[in-house]
Amino acid sequence: MNFCICLCSLDMTMANTEWRNQTAITEFILLGFGDLPALQILLFLLFLVIYIVTLAGNILVIVLVVANQHLHTPMYFFLGNLSCLETCYTSTILPRMLASLLTGDRTISVRGCLVQLYFFGSLVGTECYLLASMSYDRYLAICKPLHYSTHMNDRFCLHLAAGSWLSAFLIVTIIIFLMSQLTFCGPNEMDHFFCDLTPVIKLSCSVTHQMELVTFLGSFLFTLPPFLLTLTSYVCIITAILRIPSSTGRQKAFSTCSSHLIVVTTFYGMLIIVYILPKTKMLRELNKVFSVFYTVLTPLANPLTYSLRNKEVMEALRKAVRN
């Protein structure tokens, strides 16, 4: 009897110890660029400049689109939404990374990590659908110009933009709620500079099959439909442009969508490399570098690409400076 009592007591002690171990982790360590100690200050200054230029460029685009009557068109309405998204997007990742580079503190609480992941995932999903909406707008403008004003009216534009924002945030809310039920019991080091979906799931000691399935379905809804719509739109656009007899006409038609095509190619190219291609040794080593492209450099490039290559935006900027 005493032996049984001792066994029961030992089992309870082991269970309590295991429970404490499973709930002990309250923070993660984002290794980030900690393997480059000599470059911390240089990286801080570089990313600080990028952050300031990104905020200034995107906010400037928003102000121009709102203030200039000539830019109150569907294309610039979506561009304003994209700039607003990029402002939020870069602010989700860069301030935390800058603080880490400056202070050397690479820890982040589990709750803070999930909050960062929530906004990051929601904004990425929104961007996929906004880029698809912009490609559909260019498709109607080039392939069906006579029906453009009828189809792409203010109400339809508002529905497209609102649907892009709301659907992404709703789906990611479900994913983050399920992730909040996971248990993290070690290790707690993440070889990344922000809380990304797959690295966080890998740190969990819970059964993650259901979580991985939900994540796959959410990623599928975020990427494949808007990517196929964007691809189909540009196939039709390029086909229509090639049918234009004069080279001047082809150049003018292509100039209206070339900026968007550059942004789409860069954004989806980096997503495919980071999340879809098989993780070879070289890709694993370059994963953080490619992540910098779509999380840091794409928000920087968008306002520069659209502004410097767009005569109407530059004209609106000149008028604003003169006034």
C-alpha atoms as a PDB file:
ATOM      1  CA  MET A   1       0.000   0.000   0.000  1.00  0.00           C
ATOM      2  CA  ASN A   2       2.776   2.407   0.942  1.00  0.00           C
ATOM      3  CA  PHE A   3       4.525   1.499  -2.323  1.00  0.00           C
ATOM      4  CA  CYS A   4       1.379   2.384  -4.316  1.00  0.00           C
ATOM      5  CA  ILE A   5       1.023   5.662  -2.421  1.00  0.00           C
ATOM      6  CA  CYS A   6       4.638   6.497  -3.203  1.00  0.00           C
ATOM      7  CA  LEU A   7       4.102   5.689  -6.871  1.00  0.00           C
ATOM      8  CA  CYS A   8       0.996   7.868  -7.024  1.00  0.00           C
ATOM      9  CA  SER A   9       2.844  10.670  -5.274  1.00  0.00           C
ATOM     10  CA  LEU A  10       5.759  10.315  -7.694  1.00  0.00           C
ATOM     11  CA  ASP A  11       3.389  10.387 -10.708  1.00  0.00           C
ATOM     12  CA  MET A  12       1.684  13.517  -9.405  1.00  0.00           C
ATOM     13  CA  THR A  13       5.039  15.191  -8.808  1.00  0.00           C
ATOM     14  CA  MET A  14       6.200  14.327 -12.327  1.00  0.00           C
ATOM     15  CA  ALA A  15       2.909  15.560 -13.791  1.00  0.00           C
ATOM     16  CA  ASN A  16       3.170  18.849 -11.885  1.00  0.00           C
ATOM     17  CA  THR A  17       6.785  19.243 -12.985  1.00  0.00           C
ATOM     18  CA  GLU A  18       5.823  18.549 -16.601  1.00  0.00           C
ATOM     19  CA  TRP A  19       2.926  21.034 -16.382  1.00  0.00           C
ATOM     20  CA  ARG A  20       5.254  23.706 -14.968  1.00  0.00           C
ATOM     21  CA  ASN A  21       7.786  23.045 -17.718  1.00  0.00           C
ATOM     22  CA  GLN A  22       5.112  23.338 -20.380  1.00  0.00           C
ATOM     23  CA  THR A  23       3.830  26.657 -19.073  1.00  0.00           C
ATOM     24  CA  ALA A  24       7.183  28.129 -18.005  1.00  0.00           C
ATOM     25  CA  ILE A  25       7.977  29.831 -21.334  1.00  0.00           C
ATOM     26  CA  THR A  26       6.490  33.303 -21.458  1.00  0.00           C
ATOM     27  CA  GLU A  27       8.830  34.839 -24.009  1.00  0.00           C
ATOM     28  CA  PHE A  28      10.710  34.028 -27.199  1.00  0.00           C
ATOM     29  CA  ILE A  29      14.186  35.073 -28.272  1.00  0.00           C
ATOM     30  CA  LEU A  30      14.331  36.486 -31.807  1.00  0.00           C
ATOM     31  CA  LEU A  31      17.885  35.786 -32.898  1.00  0.00           C
ATOM     32  CA  GLY A  32      17.506  38.159 -35.847  1.00  0.00           C
ATOM     33  CA  PHE A  33      20.877  39.491 -36.944  1.00  0.00           C
ATOM     34  CA  GLY A  34      22.595  38.708 -33.649  1.00  0.00           C
ATOM     35  CA  ASP A  35      25.197  36.621 -35.479  1.00  0.00           C
ATOM     36  CA  LEU A  36      26.584  39.896 -36.868  1.00  0.00           C
ATOM     37  CA  PRO A  37      27.638  41.733 -33.671  1.00  0.00           C
ATOM     38  CA  ALA A  38      30.054  44.072 -35.437  1.00  0.00           C
ATOM     39  CA  LEU A  39      27.282  45.337 -37.757  1.00  0.00           C
ATOM     40  CA  GLN A  40      24.566  46.059 -35.182  1.00  0.00           C
ATOM     41  CA  ILE A  41      24.947  49.869 -35.228  1.00  0.00           C
ATOM     42  CA  LEU A  42      25.304  49.939 -39.012  1.00  0.00           C
ATOM     43  CA  LEU A  43      22.193  47.777 -39.438  1.00  0.00           C
ATOM     44  CA  PHE A  44      20.324  49.998 -36.966  1.00  0.00           C
ATOM     45  CA  LEU A  45      21.152  53.146 -38.941  1.00  0.00           C
ATOM     46  CA  LEU A  46      20.332  51.450 -42.250  1.00  0.00           C
ATOM     47  CA  PHE A  47      16.915  50.169 -41.116  1.00  0.00           C
ATOM     48  CA  LEU A  48      16.164  53.474 -39.352  1.00  0.00           C
ATOM     49  CA  VAL A  49      16.697  55.387 -42.613  1.00  0.00           C
ATOM     50  CA  ILE A  50      14.592  52.825 -44.490  1.00  0.00           C
ATOM     51  CA  TYR A  51      11.795  53.140 -41.914  1.00  0.00           C
ATOM     52  CA  ILE A  52      11.761  56.943 -42.023  1.00  0.00           C
ATOM     53  CA  VAL A  53      11.798  57.048 -45.852  1.00  0.00           C
ATOM     54  CA  THR A  54       9.089  54.370 -46.029  1.00  0.00           C
ATOM     55  CA  LEU A  55       6.797  56.267 -43.650  1.00  0.00           C
ATOM     56  CA  ALA A  56       7.435  59.598 -45.384  1.00  0.00           C
ATOM     57  CA  GLY A  57       6.888  58.169 -48.880  1.00  0.00           C
ATOM     58  CA  ASN A  58       3.686  56.290 -48.084  1.00  0.00           C
ATOM     59  CA  ILE A  59       2.175  59.104 -46.013  1.00  0.00           C
ATOM     60  CA  LEU A  60       2.992  61.544 -48.827  1.00  0.00           C
ATOM     61  CA  VAL A  61       1.136  59.334 -51.323  1.00  0.00           C
ATOM     62  CA  ILE A  62      -1.889  59.162 -49.004  1.00  0.00           C
ATOM     63  CA  VAL A  63      -1.943  62.949 -48.573  1.00  0.00           C
ATOM     64  CA  LEU A  64      -1.643  63.556 -52.336  1.00  0.00           C
ATOM     65  CA  VAL A  65      -4.420  61.089 -53.171  1.00  0.00           C
ATOM     66  CA  VAL A  66      -6.756  62.621 -50.579  1.00  0.00           C
ATOM     67  CA  ALA A  67      -5.951  66.285 -51.324  1.00  0.00           C
ATOM     68  CA  ASN A  68      -5.755  66.297 -55.146  1.00  0.00           C
ATOM     69  CA  GLN A  69      -9.060  66.055 -57.026  1.00  0.00           C
ATOM     70  CA  HIS A  70      -7.338  64.725 -60.152  1.00  0.00           C
ATOM     71  CA  LEU A  71      -6.246  61.650 -58.213  1.00  0.00           C
ATOM     72  CA  HIS A  72      -9.776  60.737 -57.097  1.00  0.00           C
ATOM     73  CA  THR A  73      -9.929  57.759 -59.463  1.00  0.00           C
ATOM     74  CA  PRO A  74     -10.153  54.000 -58.758  1.00  0.00           C
ATOM     75  CA  MET A  75      -6.442  53.425 -59.466  1.00  0.00           C
ATOM     76  CA  TYR A  76      -5.324  56.045 -56.946  1.00  0.00           C
ATOM     77  CA  PHE A  77      -7.990  55.010 -54.447  1.00  0.00           C
ATOM     78  CA  PHE A  78      -6.387  51.556 -54.347  1.00  0.00           C
ATOM     79  CA  LEU A  79      -2.922  53.135 -54.310  1.00  0.00           C
ATOM     80  CA  GLY A  80      -3.919  55.160 -51.239  1.00  0.00           C
ATOM     81  CA  ASN A  81      -5.153  51.982 -49.556  1.00  0.00           C
ATOM     82  CA  LEU A  82      -1.900  50.232 -50.421  1.00  0.00           C
ATOM     83  CA  SER A  83       0.170  53.094 -48.986  1.00  0.00           C
ATOM     84  CA  CYS A  84      -1.891  53.049 -45.791  1.00  0.00           C
ATOM     85  CA  LEU A  85      -1.334  49.301 -45.564  1.00  0.00           C
ATOM     86  CA  GLU A  86       2.416  49.635 -46.133  1.00  0.00           C
ATOM     87  CA  THR A  87       2.637  52.263 -43.378  1.00  0.00           C
ATOM     88  CA  CYS A  88       1.003  49.870 -40.902  1.00  0.00           C
ATOM     89  CA  TYR A  89       2.901  46.884 -42.296  1.00  0.00           C
ATOM     90  CA  THR A  90       6.380  48.309 -41.826  1.00  0.00           C
ATOM     91  CA  SER A  91       5.423  49.693 -38.381  1.00  0.00           C
ATOM     92  CA  THR A  92       4.512  46.167 -37.277  1.00  0.00           C
ATOM     93  CA  ILE A  93       8.057  44.869 -37.776  1.00  0.00           C
ATOM     94  CA  LEU A  94      10.692  47.613 -37.953  1.00  0.00           C
ATOM     95  CA  PRO A  95      10.274  49.436 -34.591  1.00  0.00           C
ATOM     96  CA  ARG A  96      10.712  46.164 -32.679  1.00  0.00           C
ATOM     97  CA  MET A  97      13.718  45.221 -34.809  1.00  0.00           C
ATOM     98  CA  LEU A  98      15.298  48.673 -34.374  1.00  0.00           C
ATOM     99  CA  ALA A  99      14.933  48.426 -30.593  1.00  0.00           C
ATOM    100  CA  SER A 100      16.569  44.998 -30.669  1.00  0.00           C
ATOM    101  CA  LEU A 101      19.509  46.240 -32.748  1.00  0.00           C
ATOM    102  CA  LEU A 102      20.022  49.283 -30.504  1.00  0.00           C
ATOM    103  CA  THR A 103      19.668  47.667 -27.067  1.00  0.00           C
ATOM    104  CA  GLY A 104      20.660  44.066 -27.800  1.00  0.00           C
ATOM    105  CA  ASP A 105      17.450  42.841 -26.111  1.00  0.00           C
ATOM    106  CA  ARG A 106      16.069  40.212 -28.483  1.00  0.00           C
ATOM    107  CA  THR A 107      13.290  38.874 -26.233  1.00  0.00           C
ATOM    108  CA  ILE A 108       9.598  39.225 -27.012  1.00  0.00           C
ATOM    109  CA  SER A 109       6.706  37.951 -24.906  1.00  0.00           C
ATOM    110  CA  VAL A 110       4.538  35.163 -26.277  1.00  0.00           C
ATOM    111  CA  ARG A 111       1.553  37.510 -26.243  1.00  0.00           C
ATOM    112  CA  GLY A 112       3.526  40.258 -27.982  1.00  0.00           C
ATOM    113  CA  CYS A 113       4.695  37.730 -30.561  1.00  0.00           C
ATOM    114  CA  LEU A 114       1.115  36.654 -31.325  1.00  0.00           C
ATOM    115  CA  VAL A 115       0.013  40.296 -31.605  1.00  0.00           C
ATOM    116  CA  GLN A 116       2.831  41.020 -34.066  1.00  0.00           C
ATOM    117  CA  LEU A 117       1.967  37.872 -36.011  1.00  0.00           C
ATOM    118  CA  TYR A 118      -1.721  38.875 -36.068  1.00  0.00           C
ATOM    119  CA  PHE A 119      -1.081  42.248 -37.678  1.00  0.00           C
ATOM    120  CA  PHE A 120       1.661  40.930 -39.957  1.00  0.00           C
ATOM    121  CA  GLY A 121      -0.502  38.080 -41.285  1.00  0.00           C
ATOM    122  CA  SER A 122      -3.585  40.281 -41.673  1.00  0.00           C
ATOM    123  CA  LEU A 123      -1.699  42.959 -43.596  1.00  0.00           C
ATOM    124  CA  VAL A 124       0.005  40.424 -45.894  1.00  0.00           C
ATOM    125  CA  GLY A 125      -3.393  38.914 -46.727  1.00  0.00           C
ATOM    126  CA  THR A 126      -4.875  42.358 -47.315  1.00  0.00           C
ATOM    127  CA  GLU A 127      -2.004  43.266 -49.641  1.00  0.00           C
ATOM    128  CA  CYS A 128      -2.565  40.138 -51.745  1.00  0.00           C
ATOM    129  CA  TYR A 129      -6.202  41.086 -52.324  1.00  0.00           C
ATOM    130  CA  LEU A 130      -5.460  44.793 -52.838  1.00  0.00           C
ATOM    131  CA  LEU A 131      -2.879  43.960 -55.512  1.00  0.00           C
ATOM    132  CA  ALA A 132      -5.454  41.695 -57.176  1.00  0.00           C
ATOM    133  CA  SER A 133      -8.034  44.520 -57.090  1.00  0.00           C
ATOM    134  CA  MET A 134      -5.504  46.896 -58.667  1.00  0.00           C
ATOM    135  CA  SER A 135      -4.726  44.385 -61.415  1.00  0.00           C
ATOM    136  CA  TYR A 136      -8.456  43.983 -62.139  1.00  0.00           C
ATOM    137  CA  ASP A 137      -8.753  47.773 -62.318  1.00  0.00           C
ATOM    138  CA  ARG A 138      -5.932  47.905 -64.909  1.00  0.00           C
ATOM    139  CA  TYR A 139      -7.564  45.023 -66.820  1.00  0.00           C
ATOM    140  CA  LEU A 140     -10.837  46.943 -67.153  1.00  0.00           C
ATOM    141  CA  ALA A 141      -9.017  50.190 -68.073  1.00  0.00           C
ATOM    142  CA  ILE A 142      -6.982  48.581 -70.873  1.00  0.00           C
ATOM    143  CA  CYS A 143      -9.120  45.683 -72.109  1.00  0.00           C
ATOM    144  CA  LYS A 144     -12.619  47.150 -71.609  1.00  0.00           C
ATOM    145  CA  PRO A 145     -12.177  50.942 -71.634  1.00  0.00           C
ATOM    146  CA  LEU A 146     -15.744  51.656 -72.787  1.00  0.00           C
ATOM    147  CA  HIS A 147     -17.186  49.822 -69.780  1.00  0.00           C
ATOM    148  CA  TYR A 148     -14.586  50.997 -67.273  1.00  0.00           C
ATOM    149  CA  SER A 149     -16.545  53.816 -65.628  1.00  0.00           C
ATOM    150  CA  THR A 150     -19.655  51.638 -65.392  1.00  0.00           C
ATOM    151  CA  HIS A 151     -17.962  48.632 -63.788  1.00  0.00           C
ATOM    152  CA  MET A 152     -15.331  50.348 -61.638  1.00  0.00           C
ATOM    153  CA  ASN A 153     -17.611  52.826 -59.859  1.00  0.00           C
ATOM    154  CA  ASP A 154     -17.090  54.277 -56.375  1.00  0.00           C
ATOM    155  CA  ARG A 155     -19.333  51.729 -54.673  1.00  0.00           C
ATOM    156  CA  PHE A 156     -17.602  48.749 -56.275  1.00  0.00           C
ATOM    157  CA  CYS A 157     -14.151  50.142 -55.389  1.00  0.00           C
ATOM    158  CA  LEU A 158     -15.235  50.602 -51.786  1.00  0.00           C
ATOM    159  CA  HIS A 159     -16.536  47.026 -51.638  1.00  0.00           C
ATOM    160  CA  LEU A 160     -13.288  45.646 -53.058  1.00  0.00           C
ATOM    161  CA  ALA A 161     -11.137  47.589 -50.594  1.00  0.00           C
ATOM    162  CA  ALA A 162     -13.338  46.824 -47.569  1.00  0.00           C
ATOM    163  CA  GLY A 163     -13.522  43.147 -48.538  1.00  0.00           C
ATOM    164  CA  SER A 164      -9.726  42.992 -48.812  1.00  0.00           C
ATOM    165  CA  TRP A 165      -9.221  44.422 -45.327  1.00  0.00           C
ATOM    166  CA  LEU A 166     -12.058  42.652 -43.494  1.00  0.00           C
ATOM    167  CA  SER A 167     -11.582  39.154 -44.947  1.00  0.00           C
ATOM    168  CA  ALA A 168      -7.865  39.095 -44.135  1.00  0.00           C
ATOM    169  CA  PHE A 169      -8.301  40.301 -40.561  1.00  0.00           C
ATOM    170  CA  LEU A 170     -11.191  37.864 -39.979  1.00  0.00           C
ATOM    171  CA  ILE A 171      -9.285  34.790 -41.182  1.00  0.00           C
ATOM    172  CA  VAL A 172      -6.140  35.693 -39.238  1.00  0.00           C
ATOM    173  CA  THR A 173      -8.240  36.268 -36.091  1.00  0.00           C
ATOM    174  CA  ILE A 174      -9.307  32.609 -36.266  1.00  0.00           C
ATOM    175  CA  ILE A 175      -5.720  31.438 -36.829  1.00  0.00           C
ATOM    176  CA  ILE A 176      -4.317  33.509 -33.948  1.00  0.00           C
ATOM    177  CA  PHE A 177      -7.096  32.334 -31.608  1.00  0.00           C
ATOM    178  CA  LEU A 178      -6.124  28.717 -32.312  1.00  0.00           C
ATOM    179  CA  MET A 179      -2.431  29.555 -31.875  1.00  0.00           C
ATOM    180  CA  SER A 180      -3.145  31.112 -28.479  1.00  0.00           C
ATOM    181  CA  GLN A 181      -4.297  27.659 -27.314  1.00  0.00           C
ATOM    182  CA  LEU A 182      -0.872  26.125 -28.057  1.00  0.00           C
ATOM    183  CA  THR A 183       1.611  25.337 -25.279  1.00  0.00           C
ATOM    184  CA  PHE A 184       5.225  26.459 -25.547  1.00  0.00           C
ATOM    185  CA  CYS A 185       7.629  24.495 -23.366  1.00  0.00           C
ATOM    186  CA  GLY A 186      11.000  25.033 -25.047  1.00  0.00           C
ATOM    187  CA  PRO A 187      13.197  25.740 -26.851  1.00  0.00           C
ATOM    188  CA  ASN A 188      12.286  29.398 -27.190  1.00  0.00           C
ATOM    189  CA  GLU A 189      14.856  30.654 -29.729  1.00  0.00           C
ATOM    190  CA  MET A 190      13.555  31.717 -33.152  1.00  0.00           C
ATOM    191  CA  ASP A 191      16.056  32.240 -35.959  1.00  0.00           C
ATOM    192  CA  HIS A 192      14.190  35.221 -37.404  1.00  0.00           C
ATOM    193  CA  PHE A 193      13.868  38.971 -36.908  1.00  0.00           C
ATOM    194  CA  PHE A 194      10.084  38.928 -36.437  1.00  0.00           C
ATOM    195  CA  CYS A 195       7.385  36.459 -35.381  1.00  0.00           C
ATOM    196  CA  ASP A 196       6.528  34.483 -38.483  1.00  0.00           C
ATOM    197  CA  LEU A 197       3.882  31.769 -38.640  1.00  0.00           C
ATOM    198  CA  THR A 198       5.919  28.618 -39.288  1.00  0.00           C
ATOM    199  CA  PRO A 199       8.764  29.336 -36.800  1.00  0.00           C
ATOM    200  CA  VAL A 200       6.229  30.012 -34.016  1.00  0.00           C
ATOM    201  CA  ILE A 201       4.321  26.768 -34.668  1.00  0.00           C
ATOM    202  CA  LYS A 202       7.598  24.801 -34.676  1.00  0.00           C
ATOM    203  CA  LEU A 203       8.351  26.023 -31.140  1.00  0.00           C
ATOM    204  CA  SER A 204       5.112  24.596 -29.776  1.00  0.00           C
ATOM    205  CA  CYS A 205       5.150  21.298 -27.868  1.00  0.00           C
ATOM    206  CA  SER A 206       1.415  20.766 -28.476  1.00  0.00           C
ATOM    207  CA  VAL A 207      -0.057  18.600 -31.209  1.00  0.00           C
ATOM    208  CA  THR A 208      -0.093  21.004 -34.163  1.00  0.00           C
ATOM    209  CA  HIS A 209      -1.697  18.948 -36.960  1.00  0.00           C
ATOM    210  CA  GLN A 210      -4.978  20.881 -36.750  1.00  0.00           C
ATOM    211  CA  MET A 211      -3.114  24.165 -36.498  1.00  0.00           C
ATOM    212  CA  GLU A 212      -1.007  23.351 -39.544  1.00  0.00           C
ATOM    213  CA  LEU A 213      -4.138  22.422 -41.531  1.00  0.00           C
ATOM    214  CA  VAL A 214      -5.895  25.669 -40.615  1.00  0.00           C
ATOM    215  CA  THR A 215      -2.724  27.614 -41.443  1.00  0.00           C
ATOM    216  CA  PHE A 216      -2.459  25.901 -44.816  1.00  0.00           C
ATOM    217  CA  LEU A 217      -6.108  26.659 -45.644  1.00  0.00           C
ATOM    218  CA  GLY A 218      -5.687  30.281 -44.553  1.00  0.00           C
ATOM    219  CA  SER A 219      -2.531  30.692 -46.630  1.00  0.00           C
ATOM    220  CA  PHE A 220      -4.311  29.076 -49.570  1.00  0.00           C
ATOM    221  CA  LEU A 221      -7.208  31.552 -49.345  1.00  0.00           C
ATOM    222  CA  PHE A 222      -4.804  34.474 -48.990  1.00  0.00           C
ATOM    223  CA  THR A 223      -2.505  33.714 -51.874  1.00  0.00           C
ATOM    224  CA  LEU A 224      -3.904  31.439 -54.588  1.00  0.00           C
ATOM    225  CA  PRO A 225      -7.198  33.214 -55.545  1.00  0.00           C
ATOM    226  CA  PRO A 226      -5.680  36.739 -55.686  1.00  0.00           C
ATOM    227  CA  PHE A 227      -2.555  35.418 -57.422  1.00  0.00           C
ATOM    228  CA  LEU A 228      -4.631  33.644 -60.107  1.00  0.00           C
ATOM    229  CA  LEU A 229      -6.796  36.755 -60.572  1.00  0.00           C
ATOM    230  CA  THR A 230      -3.682  38.925 -60.890  1.00  0.00           C
ATOM    231  CA  LEU A 231      -2.035  36.489 -63.306  1.00  0.00           C
ATOM    232  CA  THR A 232      -5.179  36.205 -65.447  1.00  0.00           C
ATOM    233  CA  SER A 233      -5.596  39.981 -65.535  1.00  0.00           C
ATOM    234  CA  TYR A 234      -2.032  40.524 -66.733  1.00  0.00           C
ATOM    235  CA  VAL A 235      -2.234  37.781 -69.339  1.00  0.00           C
ATOM    236  CA  CYS A 236      -5.267  39.583 -70.775  1.00  0.00           C
ATOM    237  CA  ILE A 237      -3.567  42.987 -70.434  1.00  0.00           C
ATOM    238  CA  ILE A 238      -0.371  41.909 -72.208  1.00  0.00           C
ATOM    239  CA  THR A 239      -2.383  40.191 -74.943  1.00  0.00           C
ATOM    240  CA  ALA A 240      -4.424  43.364 -75.485  1.00  0.00           C
ATOM    241  CA  ILE A 241      -1.293  45.559 -75.516  1.00  0.00           C
ATOM    242  CA  LEU A 242       0.409  43.366 -78.128  1.00  0.00           C
ATOM    243  CA  ARG A 243      -2.606  43.833 -80.421  1.00  0.00           C
ATOM    244  CA  ILE A 244      -2.165  47.619 -80.472  1.00  0.00           C
ATOM    245  CA  PRO A 245      -0.723  48.452 -83.919  1.00  0.00           C
ATOM    246  CA  SER A 246       1.478  51.446 -83.036  1.00  0.00           C
ATOM    247  CA  SER A 247       4.538  51.213 -80.794  1.00  0.00           C
ATOM    248  CA  THR A 248       3.594  54.530 -79.175  1.00  0.00           C
ATOM    249  CA  GLY A 249       0.180  53.157 -78.244  1.00  0.00           C
ATOM    250  CA  ARG A 250       1.703  49.989 -76.811  1.00  0.00           C
ATOM    251  CA  GLN A 251       4.194  51.990 -74.764  1.00  0.00           C
ATOM    252  CA  LYS A 252       1.492  54.294 -73.402  1.00  0.00           C
ATOM    253  CA  ALA A 253      -0.786  51.382 -72.478  1.00  0.00           C
ATOM    254  CA  PHE A 254       2.022  49.468 -70.793  1.00  0.00           C
ATOM    255  CA  SER A 255       3.153  52.519 -68.816  1.00  0.00           C
ATOM    256  CA  THR A 256      -0.207  52.607 -67.007  1.00  0.00           C
ATOM    257  CA  CYS A 257       0.377  49.184 -65.461  1.00  0.00           C
ATOM    258  CA  SER A 258       4.162  48.712 -65.456  1.00  0.00           C
ATOM    259  CA  SER A 259       4.600  50.099 -61.918  1.00  0.00           C
ATOM    260  CA  HIS A 260       1.975  47.749 -60.524  1.00  0.00           C
ATOM    261  CA  LEU A 261       3.495  44.820 -62.420  1.00  0.00           C
ATOM    262  CA  ILE A 262       6.908  45.523 -60.839  1.00  0.00           C
ATOM    263  CA  VAL A 263       5.389  45.602 -57.342  1.00  0.00           C
ATOM    264  CA  VAL A 264       3.375  42.411 -57.915  1.00  0.00           C
ATOM    265  CA  THR A 265       6.364  40.533 -59.337  1.00  0.00           C
ATOM    266  CA  THR A 266       8.609  41.521 -56.422  1.00  0.00           C
ATOM    267  CA  PHE A 267       6.000  40.786 -53.743  1.00  0.00           C
ATOM    268  CA  TYR A 268       4.866  37.381 -55.007  1.00  0.00           C
ATOM    269  CA  GLY A 269       8.391  36.404 -56.035  1.00  0.00           C
ATOM    270  CA  MET A 270       9.655  36.842 -52.478  1.00  0.00           C
ATOM    271  CA  LEU A 271       6.607  35.065 -50.975  1.00  0.00           C
ATOM    272  CA  ILE A 272       7.147  32.072 -53.274  1.00  0.00           C
ATOM    273  CA  ILE A 273      10.853  31.862 -52.396  1.00  0.00           C
ATOM    274  CA  VAL A 274      10.262  32.133 -48.627  1.00  0.00           C
ATOM    275  CA  TYR A 275       7.109  30.040 -48.168  1.00  0.00           C
ATOM    276  CA  ILE A 276       6.592  27.717 -51.157  1.00  0.00           C
ATOM    277  CA  LEU A 277       9.919  26.567 -52.601  1.00  0.00           C
ATOM    278  CA  PRO A 278      11.534  23.493 -50.945  1.00  0.00           C
ATOM    279  CA  LYS A 279      13.849  24.531 -48.129  1.00  0.00           C
ATOM    280  CA  THR A 280      17.274  23.623 -49.472  1.00  0.00           C
ATOM    281  CA  LYS A 281      20.325  24.424 -47.358  1.00  0.00           C
ATOM    282  CA  MET A 282      21.057  27.569 -49.368  1.00  0.00           C
ATOM    283  CA  LEU A 283      17.443  28.827 -49.163  1.00  0.00           C
ATOM    284  CA  ARG A 284      17.367  28.230 -45.389  1.00  0.00           C
ATOM    285  CA  GLU A 285      20.512  30.307 -44.988  1.00  0.00           C
ATOM    286  CA  LEU A 286      19.088  33.105 -47.167  1.00  0.00           C
ATOM    287  CA  ASN A 287      15.580  32.963 -45.689  1.00  0.00           C
ATOM    288  CA  LYS A 288      16.084  36.058 -43.511  1.00  0.00           C
ATOM    289  CA  VAL A 289      17.571  37.972 -46.442  1.00  0.00           C
ATOM    290  CA  PHE A 290      14.569  37.218 -48.677  1.00  0.00           C
ATOM    291  CA  SER A 291      12.212  38.059 -45.791  1.00  0.00           C
ATOM    292  CA  VAL A 292      13.846  41.499 -45.583  1.00  0.00           C
ATOM    293  CA  PHE A 293      12.900  42.059 -49.229  1.00  0.00           C
ATOM    294  CA  TYR A 294       9.131  41.637 -48.808  1.00  0.00           C
ATOM    295  CA  THR A 295       8.804  42.962 -45.247  1.00  0.00           C
ATOM    296  CA  VAL A 296      11.179  45.952 -45.391  1.00  0.00           C
ATOM    297  CA  LEU A 297      12.193  46.806 -48.952  1.00  0.00           C
ATOM    298  CA  THR A 298       8.819  46.277 -50.680  1.00  0.00           C
ATOM    299  CA  PRO A 299       7.047  48.907 -48.497  1.00  0.00           C
ATOM    300  CA  LEU A 300       9.976  51.235 -49.285  1.00  0.00           C
ATOM    301  CA  ALA A 301       9.873  50.537 -53.033  1.00  0.00           C
ATOM    302  CA  ASN A 302       6.112  50.892 -53.514  1.00  0.00           C
ATOM    303  CA  PRO A 303       5.789  54.684 -53.092  1.00  0.00           C
ATOM    304  CA  LEU A 304       9.054  55.258 -54.988  1.00  0.00           C
ATOM    305  CA  THR A 305       7.933  53.005 -57.838  1.00  0.00           C
ATOM    306  CA  TYR A 306       4.476  54.525 -58.153  1.00  0.00           C
ATOM    307  CA  SER A 307       5.606  58.123 -57.645  1.00  0.00           C
ATOM    308  CA  LEU A 308       8.757  58.327 -59.737  1.00  0.00           C
ATOM    309  CA  ARG A 309       7.169  56.424 -62.641  1.00  0.00           C
ATOM    310  CA  ASN A 310       3.815  58.236 -62.534  1.00  0.00           C
ATOM    311  CA  LYS A 311       3.387  61.636 -64.178  1.00  0.00           C
ATOM    312  CA  GLU A 312       0.070  62.396 -62.452  1.00  0.00           C
ATOM    313  CA  VAL A 313       1.502  61.782 -58.982  1.00  0.00           C
ATOM    314  CA  MET A 314       4.580  63.890 -59.754  1.00  0.00           C
ATOM    315  CA  GLU A 315       2.373  66.682 -61.118  1.00  0.00           C
ATOM    316  CA  ALA A 316       0.226  66.570 -57.976  1.00  0.00           C
ATOM    317  CA  LEU A 317       3.404  66.745 -55.886  1.00  0.00           C
ATOM    318  CA  ARG A 318       4.688  69.782 -57.829  1.00  0.00           C
ATOM    319  CA  LYS A 319       1.349  71.564 -57.361  1.00  0.00           C
ATOM    320  CA  ALA A 320       1.399  70.790 -53.636  1.00  0.00           C
ATOM    321  CA  VAL A 321       4.944  72.174 -53.320  1.00  0.00           C
ATOM    322  CA  ARG A 322       4.016  75.336 -55.229  1.00  0.00           C
ATOM    323  CA  ASN A 323       0.949  75.907 -53.072  1.00  0.00           C
END
